[in-house]
PDB file of N, CA and C in Angstrom:
ATOM      1  N   MET A   1      20.818  51.235   1.017  1.00  0.00           N
ATOM      2  CA  MET A   1      19.924  50.201   0.696  1.00  0.00           C
ATOM      3  C   MET A   1      18.447  51.274   0.268  1.00  0.00           C
ATOM      4  N   GLY A   2      17.593  50.608  -0.554  1.00  0.00           N
ATOM      5  CA  GLY A   2      15.896  51.842  -1.190  1.00  0.00           C
ATOM      6  C   GLY A   2      15.445  51.854   0.354  1.00  0.00           C
ATOM      7  N   ASN A   3      14.281  52.464   0.083  1.00  0.00           N
ATOM      8  CA  ASN A   3      13.142  52.877   0.500  1.00  0.00           C
ATOM      9  C   ASN A   3      12.534  51.256   1.253  1.00  0.00           C
ATOM     10  N   SER A   4      12.079  51.209   2.373  1.00  0.00           N
ATOM     11  CA  SER A   4      11.055  50.365   2.569  1.00  0.00           C
ATOM     12  C   SER A   4       9.149  50.794   2.769  1.00  0.00           C
ATOM     13  N   MET A   5       8.284  50.242   2.327  1.00  0.00           N
ATOM     14  CA  MET A   5       7.397  50.256   2.559  1.00  0.00           C
ATOM     15  C   MET A   5       6.037  49.689   3.347  1.00  0.00           C
ATOM     16  N   THR A   6       5.869  50.429   4.240  1.00  0.00           N
ATOM     17  CA  THR A   6       4.946  49.627   5.650  1.00  0.00           C
ATOM     18  C   THR A   6       3.316  49.743   4.182  1.00  0.00           C
ATOM     19  N   LYS A   7       2.537  48.645   5.504  1.00  0.00           N
ATOM     20  CA  LYS A   7       1.430  48.079   4.730  1.00  0.00           C
ATOM     21  C   LYS A   7       0.293  49.567   4.680  1.00  0.00           C
ATOM     22  N   SER A   8       0.250  50.368   5.901  1.00  0.00           N
ATOM     23  CA  SER A   8      -0.553  51.786   5.710  1.00  0.00           C
ATOM     24  C   SER A   8       0.038  52.819   4.149  1.00  0.00           C
ATOM     25  N   GLU A   9       1.397  51.943   3.882  1.00  0.00           N
ATOM     26  CA  GLU A   9       1.295  53.032   2.694  1.00  0.00           C
ATOM     27  C   GLU A   9       1.309  52.085   1.519  1.00  0.00           C
ATOM     28  N   LEU A  10       1.116  51.255   1.419  1.00  0.00           N
ATOM     29  CA  LEU A  10       0.705  50.371   0.419  1.00  0.00           C
ATOM     30  C   LEU A  10      -0.747  50.570   0.369  1.00  0.00           C
ATOM     31  N   LEU A  11      -1.415  50.800   1.133  1.00  0.00           N
ATOM     32  CA  LEU A  11      -2.961  50.797   1.454  1.00  0.00           C
ATOM     33  C   LEU A  11      -3.069  51.887   0.562  1.00  0.00           C
ATOM     34  N   ALA A  12      -2.422  53.217   1.138  1.00  0.00           N
ATOM     35  CA  ALA A  12      -2.605  54.434   0.704  1.00  0.00           C
ATOM     36  C   ALA A  12      -2.156  54.474  -0.761  1.00  0.00           C
ATOM     37  N   GLU A  13      -1.420  53.373  -1.375  1.00  0.00           N
ATOM     38  CA  GLU A  13      -0.600  53.694  -2.649  1.00  0.00           C
ATOM     39  C   GLU A  13      -2.181  53.232  -3.469  1.00  0.00           C
ATOM     40  N   LEU A  14      -2.748  51.805  -2.997  1.00  0.00           N
ATOM     41  CA  LEU A  14      -3.756  50.903  -3.541  1.00  0.00           C
ATOM     42  C   LEU A  14      -4.945  52.057  -3.310  1.00  0.00           C
ATOM     43  N   TYR A  15      -5.287  53.150  -2.486  1.00  0.00           N
ATOM     44  CA  TYR A  15      -6.642  53.767  -2.118  1.00  0.00           C
ATOM     45  C   TYR A  15      -6.106  54.734  -3.128  1.00  0.00           C
ATOM     46  N   GLY A  16      -5.396  55.416  -3.578  1.00  0.00           N
ATOM     47  CA  GLY A  16      -4.955  56.855  -4.482  1.00  0.00           C
ATOM     48  C   GLY A  16      -5.345  56.051  -5.837  1.00  0.00           C
ATOM     49  N   ARG A  17      -4.493  54.682  -6.274  1.00  0.00           N
ATOM     50  CA  ARG A  17      -5.023  54.282  -7.955  1.00  0.00           C
ATOM     51  C   ARG A  17      -6.118  54.092  -7.929  1.00  0.00           C
ATOM     52  N   LEU A  18      -7.264  54.113  -7.075  1.00  0.00           N
ATOM     53  CA  LEU A  18      -8.523  52.874  -7.073  1.00  0.00           C
ATOM     54  C   LEU A  18      -9.553  54.160  -6.405  1.00  0.00           C
ATOM     55  N   PRO A  19      -9.901  55.594  -6.732  1.00  0.00           N
ATOM     56  CA  PRO A  19     -10.515  56.386  -6.214  1.00  0.00           C
ATOM     57  C   PRO A  19     -11.337  56.573  -6.486  1.00  0.00           C
ATOM     58  N   THR A  20     -12.445  55.106  -6.975  1.00  0.00           N
ATOM     59  CA  THR A  20     -14.028  54.726  -7.252  1.00  0.00           C
ATOM     60  C   THR A  20     -14.097  53.632  -5.859  1.00  0.00           C
ATOM     61  N   PHE A  21     -12.939  53.632  -5.455  1.00  0.00           N
ATOM     62  CA  PHE A  21     -13.200  52.488  -4.355  1.00  0.00           C
ATOM     63  C   PHE A  21     -13.148  53.285  -2.785  1.00  0.00           C
ATOM     64  N   ARG A  22     -13.628  52.807  -1.656  1.00  0.00           N
ATOM     65  CA  ARG A  22     -14.377  53.450  -0.083  1.00  0.00           C
ATOM     66  C   ARG A  22     -12.493  52.904   0.064  1.00  0.00           C
ATOM     67  N   GLU A  23     -12.412  53.473   0.786  1.00  0.00           N
ATOM     68  CA  GLU A  23     -10.961  53.416   1.624  1.00  0.00           C
ATOM     69  C   GLU A  23     -10.765  51.686   2.099  1.00  0.00           C
ATOM     70  N   ARG A  24     -12.410  51.850   2.798  1.00  0.00           N
ATOM     71  CA  ARG A  24     -12.536  50.706   3.664  1.00  0.00           C
ATOM     72  C   ARG A  24     -12.572  49.328   2.715  1.00  0.00           C
ATOM     73  N   ASP A  25     -12.774  49.411   1.576  1.00  0.00           N
ATOM     74  CA  ASP A  25     -13.008  48.271   1.049  1.00  0.00           C
ATOM     75  C   ASP A  25     -11.100  48.339   0.277  1.00  0.00           C
ATOM     76  N   CYS A  26     -10.710  48.860   0.017  1.00  0.00           N
ATOM     77  CA  CYS A  26      -9.183  48.666  -0.558  1.00  0.00           C
ATOM     78  C   CYS A  26      -8.230  47.926   0.938  1.00  0.00           C
ATOM     79  N   MET A  27      -8.709  48.411   2.245  1.00  0.00           N
ATOM     80  CA  MET A  27      -8.355  47.899   3.331  1.00  0.00           C
ATOM     81  C   MET A  27      -8.764  46.265   3.729  1.00  0.00           C
ATOM     82  N   ASP A  28      -9.884  46.167   3.516  1.00  0.00           N
ATOM     83  CA  ASP A  28     -10.308  44.790   3.616  1.00  0.00           C
ATOM     84  C   ASP A  28     -10.122  43.850   2.333  1.00  0.00           C
ATOM     85  N   ALA A  29      -9.921  44.624   0.934  1.00  0.00           N
ATOM     86  CA  ALA A  29      -9.210  43.563  -0.132  1.00  0.00           C
ATOM     87  C   ALA A  29      -7.895  43.162   0.055  1.00  0.00           C
ATOM     88  N   ALA A  30      -7.090  44.351   0.583  1.00  0.00           N
ATOM     89  CA  ALA A  30      -5.598  43.861   1.135  1.00  0.00           C
ATOM     90  C   ALA A  30      -5.690  43.047   2.144  1.00  0.00           C
ATOM     91  N   GLY A  31      -6.251  43.359   3.269  1.00  0.00           N
ATOM     92  CA  GLY A  31      -6.023  42.081   4.478  1.00  0.00           C
ATOM     93  C   GLY A  31      -6.487  40.499   3.997  1.00  0.00           C
ATOM     94  N   VAL A  32      -7.899  40.278   3.060  1.00  0.00           N
ATOM     95  CA  VAL A  32      -7.823  39.443   2.498  1.00  0.00           C
ATOM     96  C   VAL A  32      -7.023  38.564   1.874  1.00  0.00           C
ATOM     97  N   ILE A  33      -6.239  39.250   0.860  1.00  0.00           N
ATOM     98  CA  ILE A  33      -5.094  38.736   0.471  1.00  0.00           C
ATOM     99  C   ILE A  33      -3.998  38.769   0.997  1.00  0.00           C
ATOM    100  N   ILE A  34      -3.448  39.341   1.899  1.00  0.00           N
ATOM    101  CA  ILE A  34      -2.570  38.956   3.114  1.00  0.00           C
ATOM    102  C   ILE A  34      -3.206  38.128   3.997  1.00  0.00           C
ATOM    103  N   ASP A  35      -3.991  37.893   3.889  1.00  0.00           N
ATOM    104  CA  ASP A  35      -4.531  36.590   5.060  1.00  0.00           C
ATOM    105  C   ASP A  35      -4.657  34.936   3.982  1.00  0.00           C
ATOM    106  N   THR A  36      -5.179  35.125   2.742  1.00  0.00           N
ATOM    107  CA  THR A  36      -5.260  34.370   2.290  1.00  0.00           C
ATOM    108  C   THR A  36      -3.819  33.714   2.317  1.00  0.00           C
ATOM    109  N   MET A  37      -3.112  34.257   1.729  1.00  0.00           N
ATOM    110  CA  MET A  37      -1.599  33.833   1.504  1.00  0.00           C
ATOM    111  C   MET A  37      -0.860  33.480   2.638  1.00  0.00           C
ATOM    112  N   SER A  38      -0.763  34.321   3.668  1.00  0.00           N
ATOM    113  CA  SER A  38      -0.168  33.273   4.796  1.00  0.00           C
ATOM    114  C   SER A  38      -0.894  31.830   5.320  1.00  0.00           C
ATOM    115  N   GLN A  39      -2.661  31.762   5.278  1.00  0.00           N
ATOM    116  CA  GLN A  39      -2.969  30.903   5.499  1.00  0.00           C
ATOM    117  C   GLN A  39      -2.792  29.675   4.534  1.00  0.00           C
ATOM    118  N   THR A  40      -2.187  30.243   3.209  1.00  0.00           N
ATOM    119  CA  THR A  40      -1.573  29.103   2.224  1.00  0.00           C
ATOM    120  C   THR A  40      -0.489  28.418   2.505  1.00  0.00           C
ATOM    121  N   LEU A  41       0.616  29.356   3.077  1.00  0.00           N
ATOM    122  CA  LEU A  41       1.712  28.906   3.429  1.00  0.00           C
ATOM    123  C   LEU A  41       1.714  28.160   5.312  1.00  0.00           C
ATOM    124  N   VAL A  42       0.828  28.684   5.640  1.00  0.00           N
ATOM    125  CA  VAL A  42       0.378  27.739   6.954  1.00  0.00           C
ATOM    126  C   VAL A  42       0.248  26.022   6.861  1.00  0.00           C
ATOM    127  N   GLU A  43      -0.469  26.110   5.536  1.00  0.00           N
ATOM    128  CA  GLU A  43      -0.733  24.790   5.166  1.00  0.00           C
ATOM    129  C   GLU A  43      -0.016  23.828   4.116  1.00  0.00           C
ATOM    130  N   GLY A  44       1.036  24.793   4.369  1.00  0.00           N
ATOM    131  CA  GLY A  44       2.228  24.205   3.294  1.00  0.00           C
ATOM    132  C   GLY A  44       2.543  24.482   2.144  1.00  0.00           C
ATOM    133  N   GLY A  45       1.417  25.153   1.363  1.00  0.00           N
ATOM    134  CA  GLY A  45       1.104  25.545   0.016  1.00  0.00           C
ATOM    135  C   GLY A  45       2.256  26.651  -0.515  1.00  0.00           C
ATOM    136  N   ARG A  46       2.006  26.778  -1.714  1.00  0.00           N
ATOM    137  CA  ARG A  46       2.918  27.625  -1.990  1.00  0.00           C
ATOM    138  C   ARG A  46       1.721  28.669  -3.153  1.00  0.00           C
ATOM    139  N   ILE A  47       2.764  29.658  -3.263  1.00  0.00           N
ATOM    140  CA  ILE A  47       2.109  31.225  -3.622  1.00  0.00           C
ATOM    141  C   ILE A  47       2.640  31.475  -5.134  1.00  0.00           C
ATOM    142  N   GLU A  48       2.106  31.231  -6.425  1.00  0.00           N
ATOM    143  CA  GLU A  48       3.159  32.099  -7.303  1.00  0.00           C
ATOM    144  C   GLU A  48       2.230  32.694  -8.340  1.00  0.00           C
ATOM    145  N   ILE A  49       3.108  34.081  -8.231  1.00  0.00           N
ATOM    146  CA  ILE A  49       2.424  35.336  -8.903  1.00  0.00           C
ATOM    147  C   ILE A  49       3.122  35.695  -9.855  1.00  0.00           C
ATOM    148  N   ARG A  50       2.339  35.199 -11.451  1.00  0.00           N
ATOM    149  CA  ARG A  50       3.087  35.433 -12.523  1.00  0.00           C
ATOM    150  C   ARG A  50       3.550  37.094 -12.712  1.00  0.00           C
ATOM    151  N   GLY A  51       4.772  37.068 -13.265  1.00  0.00           N
ATOM    152  CA  GLY A  51       5.333  38.287 -13.192  1.00  0.00           C
ATOM    153  C   GLY A  51       6.034  38.502 -12.303  1.00  0.00           C
ATOM    154  N   PHE A  52       5.559  38.453 -10.937  1.00  0.00           N
ATOM    155  CA  PHE A  52       6.186  38.878  -9.636  1.00  0.00           C
ATOM    156  C   PHE A  52       7.239  37.558  -9.057  1.00  0.00           C
ATOM    157  N   GLY A  53       6.878  36.873  -8.951  1.00  0.00           N
ATOM    158  CA  GLY A  53       7.631  35.747  -8.209  1.00  0.00           C
ATOM    159  C   GLY A  53       6.968  34.942  -7.851  1.00  0.00           C
ATOM    160  N   SER A  54       7.640  33.764  -6.180  1.00  0.00           N
ATOM    161  CA  SER A  54       6.520  32.586  -5.987  1.00  0.00           C
ATOM    162  C   SER A  54       7.675  32.927  -4.285  1.00  0.00           C
ATOM    163  N   PHE A  55       6.173  32.356  -3.427  1.00  0.00           N
ATOM    164  CA  PHE A  55       6.397  32.198  -2.229  1.00  0.00           C
ATOM    165  C   PHE A  55       6.526  30.964  -1.724  1.00  0.00           C
ATOM    166  N   GLY A  56       7.667  30.475  -1.072  1.00  0.00           N
ATOM    167  CA  GLY A  56       6.805  28.691  -0.181  1.00  0.00           C
ATOM    168  C   GLY A  56       7.598  28.736   0.594  1.00  0.00           C
ATOM    169  N   LEU A  57       7.521  27.344   1.163  1.00  0.00           N
ATOM    170  CA  LEU A  57       8.341  27.083   2.182  1.00  0.00           C
ATOM    171  C   LEU A  57      10.038  26.365   2.193  1.00  0.00           C
ATOM    172  N   LYS A  58      10.865  26.120   2.699  1.00  0.00           N
ATOM    173  CA  LYS A  58      12.124  25.806   3.011  1.00  0.00           C
ATOM    174  C   LYS A  58      12.025  25.406   4.319  1.00  0.00           C
ATOM    175  N   TYR A  59      12.520  24.007   4.245  1.00  0.00           N
ATOM    176  CA  TYR A  59      13.015  23.104   5.657  1.00  0.00           C
ATOM    177  C   TYR A  59      14.041  23.488   5.947  1.00  0.00           C
ATOM    178  N   ARG A  60      14.679  23.985   7.164  1.00  0.00           N
ATOM    179  CA  ARG A  60      15.727  23.869   7.600  1.00  0.00           C
ATOM    180  C   ARG A  60      16.269  23.212   9.112  1.00  0.00           C
ATOM    181  N   PRO A  61      17.272  22.132   8.572  1.00  0.00           N
ATOM    182  CA  PRO A  61      17.542  21.183   9.812  1.00  0.00           C
ATOM    183  C   PRO A  61      18.084  21.409  11.014  1.00  0.00           C
ATOM    184  N   GLU A  62      18.023  21.000  11.864  1.00  0.00           N
ATOM    185  CA  GLU A  62      18.595  21.234  13.211  1.00  0.00           C
ATOM    186  C   GLU A  62      19.964  21.390  12.831  1.00  0.00           C
ATOM    187  N   ARG A  63      20.936  22.414  13.530  1.00  0.00           N
ATOM    188  CA  ARG A  63      22.088  23.132  13.234  1.00  0.00           C
ATOM    189  C   ARG A  63      22.706  23.065  14.851  1.00  0.00           C
ATOM    190  N   VAL A  64      24.443  23.734  14.838  1.00  0.00           N
ATOM    191  CA  VAL A  64      25.080  24.331  15.593  1.00  0.00           C
ATOM    192  C   VAL A  64      24.971  25.321  15.296  1.00  0.00           C
ATOM    193  N   GLY A  65      24.751  26.417  15.808  1.00  0.00           N
ATOM    194  CA  GLY A  65      25.151  27.735  15.209  1.00  0.00           C
ATOM    195  C   GLY A  65      26.035  28.578  16.231  1.00  0.00           C
ATOM    196  N   ARG A  66      26.628  29.678  16.443  1.00  0.00           N
ATOM    197  CA  ARG A  66      27.423  30.613  17.196  1.00  0.00           C
ATOM    198  C   ARG A  66      26.574  31.685  18.070  1.00  0.00           C
ATOM    199  N   ASN A  67      26.673  31.995  19.268  1.00  0.00           N
ATOM    200  CA  ASN A  67      26.347  33.127  19.555  1.00  0.00           C
ATOM    201  C   ASN A  67      27.078  33.950  19.266  1.00  0.00           C
ATOM    202  N   PRO A  68      26.623  35.312  18.841  1.00  0.00           N
ATOM    203  CA  PRO A  68      27.895  36.401  18.593  1.00  0.00           C
ATOM    204  C   PRO A  68      28.668  37.095  19.483  1.00  0.00           C
ATOM    205  N   GLN A  69      27.839  36.848  20.448  1.00  0.00           N
ATOM    206  CA  GLN A  69      28.441  37.774  21.631  1.00  0.00           C
ATOM    207  C   GLN A  69      29.777  36.774  22.096  1.00  0.00           C
ATOM    208  N   ASP A  70      29.625  35.832  22.549  1.00  0.00           N
ATOM    209  CA  ASP A  70      30.712  35.202  23.127  1.00  0.00           C
ATOM    210  C   ASP A  70      31.133  34.125  22.240  1.00  0.00           C
ATOM    211  N   GLY A  71      30.745  33.703  21.319  1.00  0.00           N
ATOM    212  CA  GLY A  71      31.652  32.465  20.516  1.00  0.00           C
ATOM    213  C   GLY A  71      30.952  31.132  20.769  1.00  0.00           C
ATOM    214  N   SER A  72      29.944  31.330  22.211  1.00  0.00           N
ATOM    215  CA  SER A  72      29.525  29.825  22.137  1.00  0.00           C
ATOM    216  C   SER A  72      28.566  28.893  21.468  1.00  0.00           C
ATOM    217  N   ALA A  73      28.793  27.869  21.004  1.00  0.00           N
ATOM    218  CA  ALA A  73      27.759  26.898  20.485  1.00  0.00           C
ATOM    219  C   ALA A  73      26.525  27.088  20.970  1.00  0.00           C
ATOM    220  N   VAL A  74      25.317  27.199  20.407  1.00  0.00           N
ATOM    221  CA  VAL A  74      23.729  26.802  20.833  1.00  0.00           C
ATOM    222  C   VAL A  74      23.390  26.054  20.001  1.00  0.00           C
ATOM    223  N   ALA A  75      22.170  25.169  19.870  1.00  0.00           N
ATOM    224  CA  ALA A  75      21.897  24.800  19.323  1.00  0.00           C
ATOM    225  C   ALA A  75      20.438  25.489  18.288  1.00  0.00           C
ATOM    226  N   VAL A  76      20.312  25.116  17.187  1.00  0.00           N
ATOM    227  CA  VAL A  76      19.485  26.592  16.751  1.00  0.00           C
ATOM    228  C   VAL A  76      18.228  24.851  15.821  1.00  0.00           C
ATOM    229  N   ARG A  77      17.405  24.933  16.435  1.00  0.00           N
ATOM    230  CA  ARG A  77      16.355  24.027  16.170  1.00  0.00           C
ATOM    231  C   ARG A  77      16.167  24.139  14.252  1.00  0.00           C
ATOM    232  N   ALA A  78      15.241  23.118  14.573  1.00  0.00           N
ATOM    233  CA  ALA A  78      15.079  22.198  12.605  1.00  0.00           C
ATOM    234  C   ALA A  78      13.577  23.472  13.129  1.00  0.00           C
ATOM    235  N   ARG A  79      13.334  23.997  11.186  1.00  0.00           N
ATOM    236  CA  ARG A  79      12.366  25.063  11.367  1.00  0.00           C
ATOM    237  C   ARG A  79      11.740  25.234  10.011  1.00  0.00           C
ATOM    238  N   TYR A  80      10.834  25.347   9.963  1.00  0.00           N
ATOM    239  CA  TYR A  80      10.392  26.214   8.175  1.00  0.00           C
ATOM    240  C   TYR A  80      10.585  27.394   8.299  1.00  0.00           C
ATOM    241  N   THR A  81      10.889  27.811   7.134  1.00  0.00           N
ATOM    242  CA  THR A  81      11.092  29.451   6.729  1.00  0.00           C
ATOM    243  C   THR A  81      10.676  29.418   5.292  1.00  0.00           C
ATOM    244  N   VAL A  82       9.871  30.957   5.211  1.00  0.00           N
ATOM    245  CA  VAL A  82       8.946  31.615   3.883  1.00  0.00           C
ATOM    246  C   VAL A  82      10.317  31.692   3.240  1.00  0.00           C
ATOM    247  N   PHE A  83      10.132  31.605   2.418  1.00  0.00           N
ATOM    248  CA  PHE A  83      11.167  32.230   1.116  1.00  0.00           C
ATOM    249  C   PHE A  83      10.625  32.711  -0.014  1.00  0.00           C
ATOM    250  N   PHE A  84      11.077  34.142  -0.714  1.00  0.00           N
ATOM    251  CA  PHE A  84      10.562  34.501  -1.587  1.00  0.00           C
ATOM    252  C   PHE A  84      11.493  33.753  -3.124  1.00  0.00           C
ATOM    253  N   LYS A  85      11.288  33.658  -4.060  1.00  0.00           N
ATOM    254  CA  LYS A  85      12.184  33.444  -5.212  1.00  0.00           C
ATOM    255  C   LYS A  85      11.448  34.407  -6.455  1.00  0.00           C
ATOM    256  N   ALA A  86      12.159  35.906  -6.849  1.00  0.00           N
ATOM    257  CA  ALA A  86      11.473  36.864  -7.301  1.00  0.00           C
ATOM    258  C   ALA A  86      11.295  35.651  -8.811  1.00  0.00           C
ATOM    259  N   GLY A  87      10.540  36.102 -10.010  1.00  0.00           N
ATOM    260  CA  GLY A  87      10.219  36.180 -10.929  1.00  0.00           C
ATOM    261  C   GLY A  87      10.968  36.660 -11.932  1.00  0.00           C
ATOM    262  N   LYS A  88      11.101  35.965 -13.300  1.00  0.00           N
ATOM    263  CA  LYS A  88      12.225  36.801 -14.032  1.00  0.00           C
ATOM    264  C   LYS A  88      11.474  38.453 -14.942  1.00  0.00           C
ATOM    265  N   ASP A  89      10.498  38.706 -14.730  1.00  0.00           N
ATOM    266  CA  ASP A  89       9.782  39.772 -15.107  1.00  0.00           C
ATOM    267  C   ASP A  89      10.414  40.992 -14.323  1.00  0.00           C
ATOM    268  N   LEU A  90      10.014  40.875 -13.081  1.00  0.00           N
ATOM    269  CA  LEU A  90      10.655  41.392 -11.964  1.00  0.00           C
ATOM    270  C   LEU A  90      12.507  40.994 -11.064  1.00  0.00           C
ATOM    271  N   ARG A  91      12.885  40.338 -11.752  1.00  0.00           N
ATOM    272  CA  ARG A  91      14.297  40.747 -11.643  1.00  0.00           C
ATOM    273  C   ARG A  91      14.559  41.804 -12.494  1.00  0.00           C
ATOM    274  N   GLN A  92      13.979  41.352 -13.852  1.00  0.00           N
ATOM    275  CA  GLN A  92      14.528  42.481 -14.789  1.00  0.00           C
ATOM    276  C   GLN A  92      14.280  43.888 -14.954  1.00  0.00           C
ATOM    277  N   ARG A  93      13.296  43.820 -13.886  1.00  0.00           N
ATOM    278  CA  ARG A  93      12.694  45.362 -13.866  1.00  0.00           C
ATOM    279  C   ARG A  93      13.755  45.730 -13.131  1.00  0.00           C
ATOM    280  N   VAL A  94      13.956  44.928 -11.899  1.00  0.00           N
ATOM    281  CA  VAL A  94      14.987  45.580 -10.919  1.00  0.00           C
ATOM    282  C   VAL A  94      16.365  45.724 -11.598  1.00  0.00           C
ATOM    283  N   ASP A  95      16.572  44.641 -12.352  1.00  0.00           N
ATOM    284  CA  ASP A  95      18.152  45.049 -12.850  1.00  0.00           C
ATOM    285  C   ASP A  95      18.284  46.175 -13.894  1.00  0.00           C
ATOM    286  N   ALA A  96      17.232  46.272 -14.698  1.00  0.00           N
ATOM    287  CA  ALA A  96      16.993  47.749 -15.137  1.00  0.00           C
ATOM    288  C   ALA A  96      17.050  48.837 -14.642  1.00  0.00           C
ATOM    289  N   SER A  97      16.142  49.281 -13.630  1.00  0.00           N
ATOM    290  CA  SER A  97      16.483  50.611 -13.050  1.00  0.00           C
ATOM    291  C   SER A  97      17.847  50.660 -12.130  1.00  0.00           C
ATOM    292  N   ARG A  98      18.100  49.452 -11.685  1.00  0.00           N
ATOM    293  CA  ARG A  98      19.647  49.294 -11.149  1.00  0.00           C
ATOM    294  C   ARG A  98      20.709  50.079 -12.176  1.00  0.00           C
ATOM    295  N   ASP A  99      20.679  48.974 -13.075  1.00  0.00           N
ATOM    296  CA  ASP A  99      21.477  49.352 -14.470  1.00  0.00           C
ATOM    297  C   ASP A  99      21.518  51.223 -14.234  1.00  0.00           C
ATOM    298  N   SER A 100      20.306  52.025 -14.744  1.00  0.00           N
ATOM    299  CA  SER A 100      20.049  53.086 -15.147  1.00  0.00           C
ATOM    300  C   SER A 100      20.942  54.089 -13.855  1.00  0.00           C
ATOM    301  N   LYS A 101      20.750  53.673 -12.820  1.00  0.00           N
ATOM    302  CA  LYS A 101      21.236  54.379 -11.738  1.00  0.00           C
ATOM    303  C   LYS A 101      22.550  54.326 -11.541  1.00  0.00           C
ATOM    304  N   LEU A 102      23.338  53.538 -12.111  1.00  0.00           N
ATOM    305  CA  LEU A 102      24.782  53.227 -11.952  1.00  0.00           C
ATOM    306  C   LEU A 102      25.728  54.567 -12.899  1.00  0.00           C
TER     307      LEU A 102
END
């Protein structure tokens, strides 16, 4: 699989690309964005970032699952999960980058 990026690495990249901003300003801006996105999802909203994708909630009904260790039935409670759907531009960029590596 590919490399993962942590929040601190993302902030370092942001700070590197915006040298006129103080590091603390970059951290604060990223924090506000993440907090706002989180609060929107908690309130049941949807987030759409054109050219990137959208975040939303999916309802997963209660079901019977299996314990992988012993195969016994386990009740899995109903819940909401966050999902991400990549936008068309992002899908095309990822596909193009993967095609060039084949």
